[in-house]
Each structure stands twice: as structure tokens, then as C-alpha cells.
Amino acid sequence: MKIEIESKKLVKPSAPTADHLRKLKISLIDQLQPPVYVGIIFFYSSKTDVPDPSFVPISERFRLLEKALAETLTFFYPLAGRYVKEKCLLECDDQGVELMEAKADGTLDQFLHRETDPDDVLGHLATQPHQMDQIGSPLVVVQMTKFTCGGMAVGLRVSHRIADMHTISSFLSMWAMACRGSIQTANHPCFDVSSILPPRDLPKLEPPAKLMLGAKYVVKRFVFDNQSILKLKAIARSGGFNSKREPSRVELVTALVSIALLKIAKLRNGQSKPFLISHTVNLRGRTDLLWHDNLGGNVYTMVNGKSTAEVTELGLHGLVGLVRDAITTLLAKLPNAIDGEDLGDMVTNSVGQFQEELRKGDTDVLIFTSWCRFPLYQVNLGWGEPEFVSSLCTSFDSVILMDHKKGGDDNGVEAWVSLTEEDMDLFRQQDDILEYASHK
């Protein structure tokens, strides 16, 4: 399927940003982010029978998206600015978000039913800037693509330097409300994290050699439906996982995918190595220092569970326990942070451990991020909720977990796995993946 860009423009906030807000120091957590863009795509069918008085016909949608985007950027003004790396500063000068209009020469059903290779299409539905962390590069790129059937894809790339998924989800929710004429009821973000966690003079870390090889990466979606989750819970319980709180679906899928990835690593290395499972935890509301749920930017930290045991000895229940213990330990420490410096030390220590293990190369590092529970399937831009929401491929080994929404199955999990082509072939052949996941 061919995607052709028809127009490109910069969309500025509908009202100019106030002078006292035009220079925004990034926070310590922003500073620690890699120079990558977070990508997500929403797919909307061509249905015209949505029982909503605010339903927008196809011919008016691009104009509406642009107008609503400008209104939303008035509140999310840092997204329309530019990053100045040398100063750890966002110039909130209303240069704008890049908005593109594109067309596809196929139908939405062809894509959703895999009549065309998703790997050849996904990246072209959310175009990424060529340069990251460079002066003048837009921090957000939005692309609206029309299919021949009248269906539509809305893709976003957002610089991780300025936003985590919580911020991106809040932005999307407000944008959707603006499209439907109800932005006045939206909760407004607060970009004030740097007053609590200011940037620091950190040593420069070179990217690990593993991330510099330029290998071709692919992304595949593996669906663990509700029945699979229930089976995995039973296995964890029977294996010895003993807790008053049942293992969560995120913990279970993290554990099962980790087993498969570590088996592949053993095949590749010729032997088992110590391993580290890294997950992300939202810090909003976890400490009085970061009480505001609408804090914008990056307000999360990494949580690392490390083990030297053989993964076959640990089993599913052991890995669930490893992830649970790492998260529980962190959450118990957070309320004890006495000030921003203390909290900043916790964050830098966690990220530092992760980066050091990657750099040394003698530990298998597994990177997980959970987007579960974010209201991504409620992003109604004026023509109904999305039929499908997609993550995008990363240029390093990683797993993004998302809610699976299909029919009455609201408790499933999708694992969007990015691996090299060679490792992906091995991953799909793992017994546990074949038994509990369906590959889409």
C-alpha cells in the first residue's frame, strides 16, 4: 500500500503563549530521556451512522482537526515549542506542531485484515522527523491519512524529551474534546515538574553498542486474550505465587514474554546470563511532591528487577514475583522522599542502573512499557471511537503492552514486540507464545 503526503503545515496555538511561560526548563526526568519519538496511530472506519450530534462528515475532518489542534496547543503550549539541548530549555515560542495530510491507495480493511504487510505501512502513517533533539525540529508531528474507503488513520510522533504516555494521552483527550466542541470542560495540564526536579549536571553517556548496529527492526502484535490471562493466573498460583493480590495481567504477560526473550538470548549467546527486567512506573500521586495528576512532561521512573537465576528455574510465578517485588519496593520508598533532591536521587539511581547494565553488556536487559488503562480507545475526534490503536516499531529491543479491545474481551493485553528480524522469527516459534498468544 502506498502512502502519499499531500500537504504539510505548522499549526500554532490559537492564542499566543504568555511571555512569562515562553522559557520552560525541562525536568531531570525529561533530561534523562533518549532522543526518540513516541509513536501511536488511531484507525477510524468510514461509518456514517454514529448516533452523535457532533458527528463530522469526511470532507470537513482535516479542517476540524487543525482548528481543534490549535485550540489544544494553547493549553499544551510546550508541544508547539522547540528544544534547546545546550540550555536544557524549551523555547515555547509557538513555532508550531507539524500537521500533514496524506492519502493511501488502499482500504482500511486491507490493512486491518493484513492483506498488506503492516511493517511496510505503519511507519508511513506516522512520519518521523529526520533529526531528533536538533534546534528547529518539531516536537510533535501529526499525520491524517485517508483511505479509499473513507476510513482514516491519525498518527502521532511526540518527542520523548517533553512527554510520557500520560501526557500524550491527556493531550489526545483534550484534542478529542476540542473536536467535539467541549474543550471548556477539560482538565488543564501543569508544566511545573522542573521546579521540583530541576535538571542536573549529568555525565554524558554514550549509547550502548547494541543500539548502534543499525540492524533492521520489525514490530509484531501478540494478543493475550482474557482466557489466556486466566490460564496464566492459574499457572502462577499453582507454581507458588503467594500473595493476597492476584498477579495482574501486565505482570503475567511481562513474565511470559520475558521467558521467551531470555530463551532467545540464550540461543544467541550460547549460555544464560544474568538478566534485568525494566518497567516504567507513573510517579503522579505516588508522593506529595508530585501530587497533581495533570502534571505534564515526563513524570515516571524505571523499575528494575534483576536476577542471576536460570529463567527455567524461576518459572512464570518467579518472574511475576520479581516484577511485583521491584515495583512494590519502589512504591514503598516514594512517600519517604523528603524533597526534590531526594526524589531525584531515586530516579537517577534507577535509570543509572538500567543504563549501566546496558553499557556493560554482560546482562540481558528487557525493556517493557505499559500503556494499559490509558483511554486510547476513547479518543473520539468527532466521528466515533477508533476501531484499532497501534504502537510503532522502535529501533531497539522493546515491548509495549496495550489494552486489547475486541467484542466483549476488555481484559486482554496486546504485546507490541520490536526485535530484529532474526530474533522475531525465533520469538514467534517459542512454545509459550504459540500456546497463549495469537499473532496478528
Protein backbone atom coordinates (compact mmCIF):
# COMPACT_ATOMS: atom_id res chain seq x y z
CA MET A 1 0.00 0.00 0.00
CA LYS A 2 1.39 3.39 -0.99
CA ILE A 3 1.04 6.46 1.25
CA GLU A 4 1.39 9.88 -0.38
CA ILE A 5 1.81 13.14 1.55
CA GLU A 6 -0.49 15.79 0.06
CA SER A 7 0.12 18.78 2.30
CA LYS A 8 2.25 19.84 5.25
CA LYS A 9 1.96 22.85 7.54
CA LEU A 10 2.80 24.14 11.01
CA VAL A 11 -0.13 24.60 13.38
CA LYS A 12 0.37 27.20 16.11
CA PRO A 13 -1.64 27.67 19.31
CA SER A 14 -4.85 29.60 18.64
CA ALA A 15 -3.78 32.16 21.29
CA PRO A 16 -0.17 33.28 21.80
CA THR A 17 1.68 31.87 24.80
CA ALA A 18 2.14 34.39 27.61
CA ASP A 19 5.60 35.96 27.88
CA HIS A 20 6.27 34.51 31.35
CA LEU A 21 5.68 30.95 30.02
CA ARG A 22 7.92 31.18 26.96
CA LYS A 23 11.05 29.70 28.53
CA LEU A 24 10.48 26.37 30.24
CA LYS A 25 13.26 24.44 31.93
CA ILE A 26 12.97 20.72 31.31
CA SER A 27 12.92 18.49 34.39
CA LEU A 28 15.52 15.97 35.48
CA ILE A 29 13.31 13.16 34.16
CA ASP A 30 12.95 14.94 30.79
CA GLN A 31 16.73 15.31 30.71
CA LEU A 32 17.21 11.55 31.16
CA GLN A 33 15.05 10.63 28.16
CA PRO A 34 16.61 9.18 25.00
CA PRO A 35 16.30 11.27 21.80
CA VAL A 36 13.38 9.28 20.39
CA TYR A 37 9.81 9.97 19.33
CA VAL A 38 6.91 8.02 20.81
CA GLY A 39 4.61 6.83 18.01
CA ILE A 40 0.94 5.89 18.04
CA ILE A 41 -1.73 5.55 15.32
CA PHE A 42 -5.54 5.59 15.59
CA PHE A 43 -7.63 3.92 12.88
CA TYR A 44 -11.22 5.06 12.23
CA SER A 45 -13.77 3.34 10.00
CA SER A 46 -15.88 5.14 7.40
CA LYS A 47 -19.12 4.56 9.30
CA THR A 48 -21.64 7.36 8.93
CA ASP A 49 -24.32 6.23 11.38
CA VAL A 50 -22.69 7.38 14.61
CA PRO A 51 -25.55 8.49 16.95
CA ASP A 52 -23.77 11.71 17.92
CA PRO A 53 -24.99 15.22 17.06
CA SER A 54 -21.36 16.36 16.82
CA PHE A 55 -20.53 13.77 14.10
CA VAL A 56 -18.25 15.31 11.46
CA PRO A 57 -18.51 14.39 7.75
CA ILE A 58 -15.33 13.24 5.98
CA SER A 59 -14.96 16.40 3.89
CA GLU A 60 -14.65 18.59 7.00
CA ARG A 61 -12.38 16.46 9.16
CA PHE A 62 -8.95 17.84 8.27
CA ARG A 63 -10.13 21.42 8.82
CA LEU A 64 -11.66 20.42 12.15
CA LEU A 65 -8.51 18.57 13.30
CA GLU A 66 -6.40 21.63 12.51
CA LYS A 67 -8.70 24.06 14.33
CA ALA A 68 -9.07 21.81 17.39
CA LEU A 69 -5.31 21.15 17.44
CA ALA A 70 -4.62 24.90 17.58
CA GLU A 71 -7.07 25.26 20.48
CA THR A 72 -5.49 22.35 22.37
CA LEU A 73 -1.96 23.71 21.91
CA THR A 74 -2.99 26.82 23.82
CA PHE A 75 -3.00 24.58 26.93
CA PHE A 76 -0.22 22.21 25.81
CA TYR A 77 1.95 25.10 24.65
CA PRO A 78 5.36 23.36 25.22
CA LEU A 79 4.47 20.87 22.46
CA ALA A 80 4.44 23.73 19.95
CA GLY A 81 7.87 24.94 21.04
CA ARG A 82 11.42 23.86 20.26
CA TYR A 83 14.06 22.14 22.42
CA VAL A 84 17.43 23.79 23.09
CA LYS A 85 19.65 20.96 24.25
CA GLU A 86 22.61 23.06 25.42
CA LYS A 87 20.38 25.01 27.82
CA CYS A 88 18.07 22.16 28.92
CA LEU A 89 15.32 24.50 27.83
CA LEU A 90 12.10 24.51 25.87
CA GLU A 91 11.56 27.68 23.86
CA CYS A 92 7.76 27.91 24.00
CA ASP A 93 7.67 30.36 21.11
CA ASP A 94 4.64 28.93 19.29
CA GLN A 95 6.59 27.74 16.24
CA GLY A 96 4.00 25.01 15.95
CA VAL A 97 3.25 21.32 15.54
CA GLU A 98 3.73 19.79 12.10
CA LEU A 99 0.42 18.64 10.57
CA MET A 100 0.36 16.54 7.42
CA GLU A 101 -2.46 15.35 5.20
CA ALA A 102 -1.91 12.13 3.26
CA LYS A 103 -3.79 9.57 1.19
CA ALA A 104 -3.46 5.81 0.86
CA ASP A 105 -4.16 3.88 -2.33
CA GLY A 106 -5.94 1.08 -0.45
CA THR A 107 -8.73 0.48 2.04
CA LEU A 108 -8.65 0.34 5.82
CA ASP A 109 -9.91 -3.26 5.72
CA GLN A 110 -6.93 -4.27 3.59
CA PHE A 111 -4.66 -3.05 6.36
CA LEU A 112 -6.65 -4.39 9.30
CA HIS A 113 -7.11 -7.82 7.67
CA ARG A 114 -3.41 -7.99 6.79
CA GLU A 115 -3.91 -8.01 3.03
CA THR A 116 -0.95 -5.64 3.03
CA ASP A 117 2.19 -6.01 5.17
CA PRO A 118 1.80 -3.78 8.28
CA ASP A 119 5.59 -3.42 8.52
CA ASP A 120 5.57 -1.68 5.14
CA VAL A 121 2.73 0.68 6.09
CA LEU A 122 2.83 1.63 9.79
CA GLY A 123 5.88 3.87 9.63
CA HIS A 124 4.37 5.81 6.71
CA LEU A 125 1.18 6.55 8.65
CA ALA A 126 3.08 8.49 11.34
CA THR A 127 6.06 10.16 9.69
CA GLN A 128 9.03 10.80 11.96
CA PRO A 129 11.23 13.93 11.77
CA HIS A 130 14.66 13.23 10.31
CA GLN A 131 16.50 14.90 13.17
CA MET A 132 15.84 14.50 16.86
CA ASP A 133 17.00 16.89 19.60
CA GLN A 134 18.08 19.35 16.90
CA ILE A 135 17.24 23.05 17.09
CA GLY A 136 14.24 23.72 14.89
CA SER A 137 12.92 20.15 14.84
CA PRO A 138 9.19 19.98 15.65
CA LEU A 139 8.44 18.21 18.92
CA VAL A 140 5.17 16.78 17.60
CA VAL A 141 4.17 15.54 14.14
CA VAL A 142 0.54 14.70 13.36
CA GLN A 143 -0.48 12.90 10.16
CA MET A 144 -4.02 12.34 8.92
CA THR A 145 -4.27 9.68 6.19
CA LYS A 146 -7.42 8.99 4.18
CA PHE A 147 -8.09 5.51 2.82
CA THR A 148 -10.01 4.96 -0.42
CA CYS A 149 -12.95 3.54 1.55
CA GLY A 150 -13.40 6.72 3.57
CA GLY A 151 -11.63 5.30 6.60
CA MET A 152 -8.92 7.30 8.26
CA ALA A 153 -5.70 6.96 10.25
CA VAL A 154 -4.46 9.65 12.61
CA GLY A 155 -0.81 9.11 13.52
CA LEU A 156 1.34 10.98 16.03
CA ARG A 157 5.01 11.20 16.80
CA VAL A 158 5.82 13.01 20.05
CA SER A 159 9.32 13.70 21.31
CA HIS A 160 10.01 11.70 24.46
CA ARG A 161 12.07 14.66 25.60
CA ILE A 162 8.87 16.51 26.53
CA ALA A 163 6.18 13.90 27.18
CA ASP A 164 5.45 10.46 28.59
CA MET A 165 2.36 8.46 27.62
CA HIS A 166 0.33 10.01 30.45
CA THR A 167 0.95 13.47 28.97
CA ILE A 168 0.33 12.24 25.42
CA SER A 169 -2.94 10.59 26.49
CA SER A 170 -4.06 13.80 28.24
CA PHE A 171 -3.22 15.78 25.11
CA LEU A 172 -5.21 13.38 22.95
CA SER A 173 -8.19 13.52 25.31
CA MET A 174 -8.26 17.32 25.22
CA TRP A 175 -7.81 17.37 21.43
CA ALA A 176 -10.75 14.98 21.09
CA MET A 177 -12.86 17.21 23.35
CA ALA A 178 -11.91 20.24 21.24
CA CYS A 179 -13.01 18.38 18.10
CA ARG A 180 -16.38 17.72 19.72
CA GLY A 181 -16.78 21.28 21.00
CA SER A 182 -16.36 20.56 24.71
CA ILE A 183 -12.78 21.70 25.44
CA GLN A 184 -14.05 24.13 28.07
CA THR A 185 -14.72 21.17 30.41
CA ALA A 186 -11.24 19.63 30.02
CA ASN A 187 -8.68 19.44 32.82
CA HIS A 188 -5.72 21.69 32.13
CA PRO A 189 -2.12 20.39 32.33
CA CYS A 190 0.53 21.87 34.60
CA PHE A 191 4.11 22.03 33.27
CA ASP A 192 5.91 22.65 36.53
CA VAL A 193 7.91 19.48 37.24
CA SER A 194 11.27 21.27 36.86
CA SER A 195 10.50 23.34 39.98
CA ILE A 196 10.61 20.09 41.95
CA LEU A 197 13.08 18.09 39.84
CA PRO A 198 15.39 20.61 38.11
CA PRO A 199 17.92 19.36 35.53
CA ARG A 200 21.36 18.33 36.78
CA ASP A 201 24.91 18.39 35.50
CA LEU A 202 24.98 14.75 34.42
CA PRO A 203 27.85 12.84 32.83
CA LYS A 204 27.44 12.21 29.12
CA LEU A 205 26.63 8.57 28.42
CA GLU A 206 27.32 7.04 25.03
CA PRO A 207 24.56 4.80 23.64
CA PRO A 208 25.32 1.10 24.16
CA ALA A 209 26.99 -0.58 21.20
CA LYS A 210 23.97 -2.85 20.83
CA LEU A 211 21.82 0.16 19.93
CA MET A 212 24.27 1.42 17.31
CA LEU A 213 24.38 -1.55 14.97
CA GLY A 214 21.76 -0.25 12.54
CA ALA A 215 20.02 -3.64 12.38
CA LYS A 216 16.61 -3.78 10.74
CA TYR A 217 13.87 -3.95 13.34
CA VAL A 218 10.29 -5.11 12.92
CA VAL A 219 7.28 -4.86 15.21
CA LYS A 220 4.63 -7.55 15.66
CA ARG A 221 1.48 -7.64 17.75
CA PHE A 222 0.82 -10.63 20.01
CA VAL A 223 -2.63 -10.80 21.63
CA PHE A 224 -3.20 -12.45 25.00
CA ASP A 225 -6.98 -12.64 25.35
CA ASN A 226 -8.91 -12.91 28.60
CA GLN A 227 -8.92 -16.72 28.53
CA SER A 228 -5.13 -16.79 28.18
CA ILE A 229 -4.78 -14.34 31.08
CA LEU A 230 -6.93 -16.58 33.29
CA LYS A 231 -4.82 -19.63 32.38
CA LEU A 232 -1.60 -17.78 33.17
CA LYS A 233 -3.00 -16.70 36.53
CA ALA A 234 -3.73 -20.32 37.38
CA ILE A 235 -0.21 -21.37 36.36
CA ALA A 236 1.36 -18.64 38.51
CA ARG A 237 -0.76 -19.67 41.50
CA SER A 238 0.00 -23.37 41.10
CA GLY A 239 3.70 -22.59 40.73
CA GLY A 240 3.84 -20.98 44.13
CA PHE A 241 3.00 -17.30 43.63
CA ASN A 242 1.52 -16.46 47.01
CA SER A 243 0.07 -13.01 47.53
CA LYS A 244 -3.22 -11.58 48.73
CA ARG A 245 -3.34 -9.58 45.50
CA GLU A 246 -3.64 -11.67 42.36
CA PRO A 247 -1.00 -11.26 39.66
CA SER A 248 -2.04 -8.53 37.26
CA ARG A 249 -2.41 -9.10 33.53
CA VAL A 250 0.57 -6.77 32.93
CA GLU A 251 2.75 -8.77 35.34
CA LEU A 252 1.69 -12.07 33.75
CA VAL A 253 2.31 -11.01 30.15
CA THR A 254 5.60 -9.36 31.14
CA ALA A 255 6.71 -12.63 32.74
CA LEU A 256 5.67 -14.86 29.83
CA VAL A 257 7.22 -12.61 27.17
CA SER A 258 10.39 -12.36 29.28
CA ILE A 259 10.70 -16.15 29.35
CA ALA A 260 10.54 -16.25 25.55
CA LEU A 261 13.02 -13.39 25.13
CA LEU A 262 15.50 -14.92 27.58
CA LYS A 263 15.36 -18.27 25.77
CA ILE A 264 16.21 -16.44 22.55
CA ALA A 265 19.07 -14.62 24.29
CA LYS A 266 20.47 -17.96 25.50
CA LEU A 267 20.36 -19.33 21.95
CA ARG A 268 22.13 -16.22 20.68
CA ASN A 269 24.77 -16.08 23.46
CA GLY A 270 25.34 -19.81 23.80
CA GLN A 271 24.76 -19.55 27.55
CA SER A 272 22.50 -17.93 30.12
CA LYS A 273 23.44 -14.53 31.53
CA PRO A 274 22.06 -12.54 34.45
CA PHE A 275 19.01 -10.59 33.34
CA LEU A 276 17.22 -7.39 34.21
CA ILE A 277 13.55 -6.66 33.53
CA SER A 278 12.86 -2.95 33.32
CA HIS A 279 9.35 -1.48 33.57
CA THR A 280 8.02 2.05 33.93
CA VAL A 281 6.00 3.43 36.86
CA ASN A 282 3.98 6.64 36.84
CA LEU A 283 5.06 8.92 39.71
CA ARG A 284 1.98 11.15 39.73
CA GLY A 285 0.15 10.84 43.03
CA ARG A 286 2.78 8.46 44.46
CA THR A 287 4.41 11.19 46.54
CA ASP A 288 3.24 14.51 47.95
CA LEU A 289 5.95 16.17 45.86
CA LEU A 290 4.16 15.14 42.65
CA TRP A 291 0.54 15.10 43.77
CA HIS A 292 -1.01 16.71 40.67
CA ASP A 293 -2.45 14.07 38.30
CA ASN A 294 -2.29 16.54 35.39
CA LEU A 295 1.44 17.21 35.61
CA GLY A 296 2.76 17.45 32.05
CA GLY A 297 6.09 16.23 30.73
CA ASN A 298 7.83 13.04 31.83
CA VAL A 299 6.73 12.07 35.35
CA TYR A 300 7.74 8.43 35.64
CA THR A 301 10.70 6.32 36.57
CA MET A 302 12.13 2.96 35.62
CA VAL A 303 11.81 -0.03 37.89
CA ASN A 304 14.37 -2.79 37.55
CA GLY A 305 14.15 -6.40 38.67
CA LYS A 306 17.46 -8.29 38.34
CA SER A 307 18.20 -11.98 38.76
CA THR A 308 21.11 -14.36 38.20
CA ALA A 309 18.88 -17.46 38.30
CA GLU A 310 18.03 -19.59 35.30
CA VAL A 311 14.70 -18.44 33.90
CA THR A 312 13.52 -22.08 33.68
CA GLU A 313 14.13 -22.42 37.43
CA LEU A 314 12.21 -19.25 38.25
CA GLY A 315 9.25 -20.13 36.07
CA LEU A 316 6.28 -17.88 35.41
CA HIS A 317 5.49 -17.40 39.11
CA GLY A 318 9.09 -16.46 39.90
CA LEU A 319 9.22 -13.79 37.21
CA VAL A 320 5.85 -12.38 38.26
CA GLY A 321 7.23 -12.14 41.79
CA LEU A 322 10.42 -10.45 40.55
CA VAL A 323 8.44 -7.73 38.76
CA ARG A 324 5.99 -7.34 41.67
CA ASP A 325 8.78 -7.02 44.25
CA ALA A 326 10.65 -4.40 42.22
CA ILE A 327 7.55 -2.22 41.84
CA THR A 328 6.41 -2.71 45.45
CA THR A 329 9.85 -1.77 46.79
CA LEU A 330 9.90 1.46 44.79
CA LEU A 331 6.34 2.43 45.74
CA ALA A 332 7.19 1.95 49.42
CA LYS A 333 10.16 4.33 49.13
CA LEU A 334 8.47 7.16 47.24
CA PRO A 335 6.37 8.60 50.11
CA ASN A 336 9.58 8.89 52.15
CA ALA A 337 11.23 11.30 49.69
CA ILE A 338 11.74 14.45 51.77
CA ASP A 339 12.40 16.86 48.90
CA GLY A 340 13.08 17.08 45.17
CA GLU A 341 16.75 16.24 45.59
CA ASP A 342 15.91 13.04 47.45
CA LEU A 343 13.31 12.07 44.83
CA GLY A 344 15.74 12.96 42.04
CA ASP A 345 18.34 10.62 43.55
CA MET A 346 15.82 7.77 43.45
CA VAL A 347 15.10 8.44 39.78
CA THR A 348 18.74 8.80 38.71
CA ASN A 349 19.77 5.68 40.64
CA SER A 350 17.10 3.60 38.91
CA VAL A 351 17.89 4.96 35.44
CA GLY A 352 21.60 4.72 36.18
CA GLN A 353 21.35 1.02 37.00
CA PHE A 354 19.47 0.40 33.75
CA GLN A 355 21.97 2.37 31.65
CA GLU A 356 24.99 0.76 33.33
CA GLU A 357 23.67 -2.77 32.70
CA LEU A 358 23.06 -1.88 29.05
CA ARG A 359 26.54 -0.38 28.71
CA LYS A 360 28.41 -3.30 30.28
CA GLY A 361 26.66 -5.84 28.07
CA ASP A 362 27.06 -8.80 30.44
CA THR A 363 23.37 -8.76 31.43
CA ASP A 364 20.33 -9.40 29.24
CA VAL A 365 18.21 -6.25 29.59
CA LEU A 366 14.49 -6.49 28.75
CA ILE A 367 12.64 -3.20 28.25
CA PHE A 368 8.88 -3.07 28.93
CA THR A 369 6.41 -0.17 28.90
CA SER A 370 2.73 -0.48 29.79
CA TRP A 371 0.11 1.70 28.09
CA CYS A 372 -2.70 -0.34 29.63
CA ARG A 373 -5.56 1.62 31.21
CA PHE A 374 -4.87 4.77 29.22
CA PRO A 375 -8.15 5.70 27.47
CA LEU A 376 -6.71 5.35 23.97
CA TYR A 377 -9.81 3.62 22.61
CA GLN A 378 -11.91 6.60 23.75
CA VAL A 379 -10.17 9.14 21.50
CA ASN A 380 -13.28 10.27 19.59
CA LEU A 381 -12.27 13.09 17.25
CA GLY A 382 -15.83 13.65 16.11
CA TRP A 383 -16.54 10.52 14.08
CA GLY A 384 -16.68 7.76 16.66
CA GLU A 385 -14.12 5.84 18.68
CA PRO A 386 -11.18 4.15 16.91
CA GLU A 387 -11.55 0.66 15.50
CA PHE A 388 -7.92 -0.07 16.27
CA VAL A 389 -4.94 1.57 18.00
CA SER A 390 -1.39 0.75 17.01
CA SER A 391 2.03 1.26 18.52
CA LEU A 392 5.05 1.66 16.24
CA CYS A 393 8.38 -0.07 15.82
CA THR A 394 11.34 1.06 17.95
CA SER A 395 14.97 0.83 16.85
CA PHE A 396 15.91 -1.36 19.83
CA ASP A 397 14.55 -4.46 21.59
CA SER A 398 11.42 -3.41 23.46
CA VAL A 399 7.88 -4.43 24.40
CA ILE A 400 4.89 -2.09 24.69
CA LEU A 401 1.81 -3.50 26.41
CA MET A 402 -1.63 -2.15 25.45
CA ASP A 403 -5.25 -2.95 26.21
CA HIS A 404 -6.86 -5.41 23.80
CA LYS A 405 -10.33 -4.29 22.78
CA LYS A 406 -12.43 -6.65 20.72
CA GLY A 407 -16.06 -7.55 21.28
CA GLY A 408 -16.63 -8.38 24.91
CA ASP A 409 -12.94 -9.05 25.63
CA ASP A 410 -11.81 -5.98 27.58
CA ASN A 411 -9.29 -7.72 29.83
CA GLY A 412 -6.82 -8.92 27.23
CA VAL A 413 -3.36 -7.50 26.59
CA GLU A 414 -1.56 -6.78 23.34
CA ALA A 415 2.22 -7.06 23.38
CA TRP A 416 3.79 -4.94 20.63
CA VAL A 417 7.24 -6.51 20.36
CA SER A 418 10.10 -4.80 18.50
CA LEU A 419 13.00 -7.11 17.62
CA THR A 420 15.47 -7.69 14.84
CA GLU A 421 14.04 -9.79 12.01
CA GLU A 422 16.15 -12.79 13.05
CA ASP A 423 15.08 -12.63 16.70
CA MET A 424 11.44 -12.07 15.74
CA ASP A 425 11.44 -15.34 13.76
CA LEU A 426 12.70 -17.12 16.88
CA PHE A 427 10.24 -15.33 19.18
CA ARG A 428 7.22 -16.40 17.13
CA GLN A 429 8.34 -20.03 17.39
CA GLN A 430 8.59 -20.11 21.20
CA ASP A 431 6.20 -22.68 22.70
CA ASP A 432 4.72 -20.33 25.29
CA ILE A 433 4.00 -17.67 22.67
CA LEU A 434 2.40 -20.22 20.36
CA GLU A 435 0.24 -21.57 23.20
CA TYR A 436 -1.00 -18.40 24.84
CA ALA A 437 -0.84 -15.63 22.22
CA SER A 438 -2.30 -15.11 18.80
CA HIS A 439 -0.01 -13.34 16.38
CA LYS A 440 -1.64 -10.51 14.47
